[in-house]
Amino acid sequence: MIIVTPGAARQIRIAATQSDCDEMGLRIAARRDATGALHYAMGFDEARGDDLVVTSEGVALVVSPSHSALLDGMTLDYVEYAEGDFRFIFINPNDGAPAAGEGCGDGCACGTRQGGGSE
């Protein structure tokens, strides 16, 4: 379903420790805006009810069933976007929109749209 690269997994574990979220999974969500672009959110959270929990690179990912179709096949990476500027990026075959933007989920993790986008 979702692939986490080793670099992203390492950064997620660092963020979890710094935020005292070590026992929580990383919830990832996606929604389409009026133009069809995908926007992402992520933050540490407990799994609830019918949430899907998948593990990639040792990181537990929590996804609501209502978001799973938009996230299927997505790769979460952590890259040096520009010199000294490291960011999470979402590489998603379900997102054909080239728009760029930034956003954060619960202050625990941030991302930037790039080649598949993120928020």
N, C-alpha and C. Protein backbone atom coordinates (compact mmCIF):
# COMPACT_ATOMS: atom_id res chain seq x y z
N MET A 1 0.83 -1.20 0.00
CA MET A 1 0.00 0.00 0.00
C MET A 1 0.87 1.26 0.00
N ILE A 2 1.58 1.54 1.09
CA ILE A 2 2.44 2.71 1.19
C ILE A 2 3.86 2.24 1.48
N ILE A 3 4.82 2.83 0.79
CA ILE A 3 6.22 2.49 0.99
C ILE A 3 6.91 3.68 1.67
N VAL A 4 7.67 3.39 2.69
CA VAL A 4 8.47 4.40 3.37
C VAL A 4 9.93 4.09 3.06
N THR A 5 10.66 5.07 2.56
CA THR A 5 12.08 4.84 2.27
C THR A 5 12.87 4.79 3.58
N PRO A 6 14.05 4.19 3.55
CA PRO A 6 14.86 4.15 4.76
C PRO A 6 15.14 5.55 5.34
N GLY A 7 15.40 6.52 4.48
CA GLY A 7 15.66 7.89 4.96
C GLY A 7 14.45 8.50 5.63
N ALA A 8 13.28 8.28 5.07
CA ALA A 8 12.04 8.79 5.67
C ALA A 8 11.78 8.08 7.00
N ALA A 9 11.99 6.77 7.04
CA ALA A 9 11.77 6.01 8.28
C ALA A 9 12.67 6.53 9.40
N ARG A 10 13.92 6.79 9.06
CA ARG A 10 14.87 7.32 10.05
C ARG A 10 14.38 8.66 10.60
N GLN A 11 13.92 9.56 9.71
CA GLN A 11 13.45 10.87 10.15
C GLN A 11 12.14 10.77 10.94
N ILE A 12 11.26 9.85 10.57
CA ILE A 12 10.01 9.65 11.30
C ILE A 12 10.32 9.19 12.72
N ARG A 13 11.27 8.27 12.87
CA ARG A 13 11.64 7.80 14.21
C ARG A 13 12.24 8.93 15.04
N ILE A 14 13.05 9.78 14.43
CA ILE A 14 13.62 10.93 15.14
C ILE A 14 12.49 11.86 15.60
N ALA A 15 11.56 12.17 14.70
CA ALA A 15 10.44 13.06 15.04
C ALA A 15 9.57 12.45 16.13
N ALA A 16 9.35 11.14 16.08
CA ALA A 16 8.54 10.48 17.10
C ALA A 16 9.19 10.60 18.47
N THR A 17 10.49 10.39 18.53
CA THR A 17 11.21 10.50 19.80
C THR A 17 11.18 11.93 20.32
N GLN A 18 11.44 12.90 19.45
CA GLN A 18 11.44 14.30 19.87
C GLN A 18 10.06 14.78 20.33
N SER A 19 9.00 14.15 19.83
CA SER A 19 7.63 14.57 20.15
C SER A 19 6.98 13.67 21.19
N ASP A 20 7.76 12.77 21.79
CA ASP A 20 7.20 11.79 22.74
C ASP A 20 6.04 11.02 22.13
N CYS A 21 6.18 10.66 20.86
CA CYS A 21 5.15 9.91 20.13
C CYS A 21 5.64 8.52 19.75
N ASP A 22 6.63 7.99 20.47
CA ASP A 22 7.25 6.71 20.12
C ASP A 22 6.27 5.55 20.04
N GLU A 23 5.22 5.60 20.82
CA GLU A 23 4.27 4.49 20.87
C GLU A 23 3.13 4.65 19.86
N MET A 24 3.13 5.70 19.08
CA MET A 24 2.06 5.96 18.13
C MET A 24 2.50 5.65 16.71
N GLY A 25 1.52 5.42 15.86
CA GLY A 25 1.80 5.26 14.44
C GLY A 25 1.75 6.61 13.76
N LEU A 26 2.23 6.65 12.53
CA LEU A 26 2.17 7.87 11.73
C LEU A 26 0.90 7.82 10.88
N ARG A 27 -0.06 8.67 11.20
CA ARG A 27 -1.29 8.72 10.41
C ARG A 27 -1.03 9.56 9.17
N ILE A 28 -1.43 9.02 8.02
CA ILE A 28 -1.30 9.72 6.75
C ILE A 28 -2.69 9.83 6.14
N ALA A 29 -3.02 11.02 5.66
CA ALA A 29 -4.32 11.27 5.04
C ALA A 29 -4.11 12.03 3.73
N ALA A 30 -5.07 11.90 2.83
CA ALA A 30 -5.03 12.62 1.56
C ALA A 30 -6.44 13.01 1.16
N ARG A 31 -6.54 14.15 0.51
CA ARG A 31 -7.84 14.60 -0.02
C ARG A 31 -7.59 15.35 -1.32
N ARG A 32 -8.59 15.35 -2.19
CA ARG A 32 -8.50 16.11 -3.43
C ARG A 32 -9.17 17.45 -3.23
N ASP A 33 -8.57 18.51 -3.78
CA ASP A 33 -9.22 19.82 -3.74
C ASP A 33 -10.09 19.98 -4.98
N ALA A 34 -10.66 21.16 -5.14
CA ALA A 34 -11.58 21.42 -6.26
C ALA A 34 -10.90 21.28 -7.62
N THR A 35 -9.58 21.47 -7.67
CA THR A 35 -8.87 21.35 -8.95
C THR A 35 -8.41 19.92 -9.22
N GLY A 36 -8.61 19.03 -8.25
CA GLY A 36 -8.21 17.64 -8.40
C GLY A 36 -6.84 17.33 -7.82
N ALA A 37 -6.14 18.34 -7.32
CA ALA A 37 -4.81 18.12 -6.72
C ALA A 37 -4.96 17.42 -5.38
N LEU A 38 -4.02 16.54 -5.08
CA LEU A 38 -4.01 15.86 -3.79
C LEU A 38 -3.28 16.71 -2.76
N HIS A 39 -3.83 16.73 -1.56
CA HIS A 39 -3.20 17.40 -0.42
C HIS A 39 -3.06 16.37 0.69
N TYR A 40 -1.92 16.40 1.35
CA TYR A 40 -1.59 15.40 2.34
C TYR A 40 -1.48 16.01 3.73
N ALA A 41 -1.71 15.17 4.72
CA ALA A 41 -1.49 15.54 6.11
C ALA A 41 -0.91 14.31 6.80
N MET A 42 -0.06 14.53 7.77
CA MET A 42 0.46 13.42 8.54
C MET A 42 0.82 13.90 9.93
N GLY A 43 0.68 13.00 10.87
CA GLY A 43 1.01 13.28 12.26
C GLY A 43 0.88 12.01 13.06
N PHE A 44 1.43 11.98 14.23
CA PHE A 44 1.40 10.78 15.06
C PHE A 44 0.03 10.65 15.72
N ASP A 45 -0.49 9.41 15.71
CA ASP A 45 -1.85 9.18 16.20
C ASP A 45 -2.02 7.70 16.54
N GLU A 46 -3.01 7.41 17.34
CA GLU A 46 -3.40 6.04 17.65
C GLU A 46 -4.35 5.53 16.58
N ALA A 47 -4.28 4.25 16.28
CA ALA A 47 -5.24 3.63 15.35
C ALA A 47 -6.59 3.55 16.05
N ARG A 48 -7.66 3.76 15.28
CA ARG A 48 -9.02 3.71 15.81
C ARG A 48 -9.88 2.82 14.91
N GLY A 49 -10.89 2.23 15.49
CA GLY A 49 -11.92 1.51 14.76
C GLY A 49 -11.42 0.69 13.59
N ASP A 50 -11.82 1.08 12.39
CA ASP A 50 -11.48 0.32 11.19
C ASP A 50 -10.26 0.87 10.45
N ASP A 51 -9.43 1.66 11.13
CA ASP A 51 -8.19 2.15 10.51
C ASP A 51 -7.35 0.99 10.01
N LEU A 52 -6.66 1.22 8.92
CA LEU A 52 -5.69 0.26 8.41
C LEU A 52 -4.33 0.60 9.02
N VAL A 53 -3.62 -0.40 9.47
CA VAL A 53 -2.27 -0.19 9.99
C VAL A 53 -1.33 -1.07 9.17
N VAL A 54 -0.39 -0.42 8.50
CA VAL A 54 0.61 -1.14 7.71
C VAL A 54 1.99 -0.72 8.22
N THR A 55 2.94 -1.61 8.06
CA THR A 55 4.30 -1.32 8.49
C THR A 55 5.22 -1.31 7.29
N SER A 56 6.04 -0.27 7.20
CA SER A 56 7.04 -0.17 6.14
C SER A 56 8.32 0.36 6.77
N GLU A 57 9.42 -0.32 6.53
CA GLU A 57 10.72 0.06 7.10
C GLU A 57 10.65 0.20 8.62
N GLY A 58 9.81 -0.61 9.26
CA GLY A 58 9.69 -0.60 10.71
C GLY A 58 8.82 0.52 11.26
N VAL A 59 8.19 1.30 10.39
CA VAL A 59 7.32 2.40 10.82
C VAL A 59 5.86 1.97 10.64
N ALA A 60 5.08 2.09 11.71
CA ALA A 60 3.64 1.80 11.62
C ALA A 60 2.92 3.00 11.02
N LEU A 61 2.19 2.75 9.95
CA LEU A 61 1.42 3.79 9.27
C LEU A 61 -0.05 3.54 9.50
N VAL A 62 -0.77 4.59 9.89
CA VAL A 62 -2.20 4.48 10.18
C VAL A 62 -2.95 5.23 9.09
N VAL A 63 -3.92 4.56 8.46
CA VAL A 63 -4.67 5.15 7.37
C VAL A 63 -6.16 4.85 7.56
N SER A 64 -6.97 5.87 7.47
CA SER A 64 -8.42 5.70 7.49
C SER A 64 -8.83 5.02 6.18
N PRO A 65 -9.79 4.10 6.22
CA PRO A 65 -10.24 3.46 4.98
C PRO A 65 -10.69 4.46 3.92
N SER A 66 -11.20 5.61 4.35
CA SER A 66 -11.67 6.61 3.39
C SER A 66 -10.52 7.26 2.62
N HIS A 67 -9.30 7.11 3.10
CA HIS A 67 -8.12 7.69 2.43
C HIS A 67 -7.29 6.65 1.70
N SER A 68 -7.56 5.38 1.92
CA SER A 68 -6.67 4.33 1.43
C SER A 68 -6.55 4.30 -0.09
N ALA A 69 -7.62 4.54 -0.83
CA ALA A 69 -7.54 4.50 -2.29
C ALA A 69 -6.62 5.59 -2.83
N LEU A 70 -6.63 6.77 -2.21
CA LEU A 70 -5.77 7.86 -2.68
C LEU A 70 -4.30 7.62 -2.34
N LEU A 71 -4.05 6.80 -1.33
CA LEU A 71 -2.68 6.58 -0.88
C LEU A 71 -2.07 5.28 -1.41
N ASP A 72 -2.87 4.46 -2.07
CA ASP A 72 -2.39 3.17 -2.55
C ASP A 72 -1.27 3.35 -3.56
N GLY A 73 -0.12 2.73 -3.28
CA GLY A 73 1.02 2.81 -4.18
C GLY A 73 1.94 3.99 -3.93
N MET A 74 1.64 4.80 -2.92
CA MET A 74 2.42 6.00 -2.62
C MET A 74 3.74 5.63 -1.94
N THR A 75 4.76 6.44 -2.19
CA THR A 75 6.05 6.33 -1.51
C THR A 75 6.29 7.62 -0.73
N LEU A 76 6.66 7.47 0.53
CA LEU A 76 7.02 8.62 1.37
C LEU A 76 8.54 8.63 1.48
N ASP A 77 9.15 9.74 1.07
CA ASP A 77 10.60 9.86 1.10
C ASP A 77 10.98 11.12 1.86
N TYR A 78 12.22 11.21 2.26
CA TYR A 78 12.77 12.37 2.94
C TYR A 78 14.02 12.76 2.17
N VAL A 79 14.00 13.94 1.57
CA VAL A 79 15.07 14.33 0.65
C VAL A 79 15.59 15.73 0.97
N GLU A 80 16.77 16.01 0.44
CA GLU A 80 17.30 17.37 0.51
C GLU A 80 16.72 18.12 -0.69
N TYR A 81 15.70 18.91 -0.43
CA TYR A 81 14.95 19.63 -1.45
C TYR A 81 15.81 20.72 -2.10
N ALA A 82 16.53 21.43 -1.27
CA ALA A 82 17.51 22.43 -1.68
C ALA A 82 18.64 22.33 -0.65
N GLU A 83 19.77 22.93 -0.91
CA GLU A 83 20.89 22.80 0.01
C GLU A 83 20.50 23.14 1.44
N GLY A 84 20.62 22.15 2.33
CA GLY A 84 20.29 22.33 3.74
C GLY A 84 18.81 22.32 4.06
N ASP A 85 17.95 22.12 3.07
CA ASP A 85 16.49 22.14 3.25
C ASP A 85 15.94 20.73 3.01
N PHE A 86 15.75 19.98 4.09
CA PHE A 86 15.27 18.61 4.01
C PHE A 86 13.77 18.58 4.22
N ARG A 87 13.07 17.77 3.41
CA ARG A 87 11.61 17.70 3.50
C ARG A 87 11.12 16.29 3.17
N PHE A 88 9.93 15.98 3.71
CA PHE A 88 9.23 14.78 3.27
C PHE A 88 8.58 15.09 1.93
N ILE A 89 8.62 14.11 1.04
CA ILE A 89 7.89 14.24 -0.21
C ILE A 89 7.02 13.00 -0.39
N PHE A 90 5.89 13.20 -1.03
CA PHE A 90 4.96 12.12 -1.34
C PHE A 90 5.03 11.86 -2.84
N ILE A 91 5.40 10.67 -3.22
CA ILE A 91 5.46 10.27 -4.62
C ILE A 91 4.28 9.33 -4.82
N ASN A 92 3.28 9.82 -5.52
CA ASN A 92 2.01 9.11 -5.55
C ASN A 92 1.52 8.95 -6.99
N PRO A 93 1.35 7.71 -7.46
CA PRO A 93 0.85 7.51 -8.81
C PRO A 93 -0.60 7.97 -8.99
N ASN A 94 -1.31 8.21 -7.89
CA ASN A 94 -2.70 8.67 -7.95
C ASN A 94 -2.81 10.19 -8.07
N ASP A 95 -1.69 10.89 -8.04
CA ASP A 95 -1.69 12.35 -8.05
C ASP A 95 -1.03 12.85 -9.32
N GLY A 96 -1.84 13.31 -10.26
CA GLY A 96 -1.30 13.83 -11.50
C GLY A 96 -1.10 15.33 -11.47
N ALA A 97 -1.45 16.00 -10.36
CA ALA A 97 -1.38 17.46 -10.28
C ALA A 97 0.04 17.92 -9.97
N PRO A 98 0.58 18.91 -10.69
CA PRO A 98 1.93 19.40 -10.46
C PRO A 98 2.04 20.54 -9.45
N ALA A 99 0.93 20.95 -8.82
CA ALA A 99 0.95 22.11 -7.92
C ALA A 99 1.89 21.89 -6.74
N ALA A 100 2.38 22.98 -6.15
CA ALA A 100 3.29 22.90 -5.00
C ALA A 100 2.69 23.60 -3.80
N GLY A 101 3.00 23.10 -2.60
CA GLY A 101 2.52 23.70 -1.37
C GLY A 101 3.20 23.06 -0.18
N GLU A 102 2.96 23.60 1.00
CA GLU A 102 3.56 23.07 2.21
C GLU A 102 2.50 22.90 3.26
N GLY A 103 2.78 22.05 4.26
CA GLY A 103 1.86 21.87 5.38
C GLY A 103 2.44 20.93 6.41
N CYS A 104 1.80 20.87 7.55
CA CYS A 104 2.26 20.01 8.64
C CYS A 104 1.08 19.29 9.25
N GLY A 105 1.37 18.17 9.87
CA GLY A 105 0.36 17.43 10.62
C GLY A 105 0.80 17.34 12.07
N ASP A 106 0.05 17.92 12.97
CA ASP A 106 0.28 17.84 14.41
C ASP A 106 1.67 18.30 14.84
N GLY A 107 2.35 19.06 14.01
CA GLY A 107 3.68 19.53 14.37
C GLY A 107 4.73 18.45 14.41
N CYS A 108 4.36 17.20 14.08
CA CYS A 108 5.31 16.09 14.17
C CYS A 108 6.00 15.80 12.85
N ALA A 109 5.41 16.17 11.73
CA ALA A 109 6.01 15.85 10.44
C ALA A 109 5.50 16.82 9.38
N CYS A 110 6.33 17.17 8.45
CA CYS A 110 5.94 18.12 7.41
C CYS A 110 6.29 17.56 6.04
N GLY A 111 5.71 18.15 4.99
CA GLY A 111 6.01 17.68 3.65
C GLY A 111 5.87 18.78 2.63
N THR A 112 6.29 18.50 1.44
CA THR A 112 6.17 19.45 0.34
C THR A 112 5.80 18.70 -0.91
N ARG A 113 4.90 19.28 -1.69
CA ARG A 113 4.49 18.68 -2.96
C ARG A 113 5.68 18.63 -3.89
N GLN A 114 5.91 17.49 -4.48
CA GLN A 114 6.95 17.40 -5.51
C GLN A 114 6.73 16.10 -6.26
N GLY A 115 6.52 16.20 -7.55
CA GLY A 115 6.40 15.01 -8.38
C GLY A 115 5.45 13.99 -7.82
N GLY A 116 4.29 14.37 -7.44
CA GLY A 116 3.35 13.48 -6.79
C GLY A 116 2.77 14.20 -5.60
N GLY A 117 3.42 15.23 -5.16
CA GLY A 117 2.88 16.18 -4.24
C GLY A 117 2.76 15.77 -2.80
N SER A 118 2.58 16.77 -1.98
CA SER A 118 2.29 16.61 -0.56
C SER A 118 1.84 17.91 0.01
N GLU A 119 1.36 17.83 1.19
CA GLU A 119 1.02 19.03 1.94
C GLU A 119 1.45 18.87 3.35
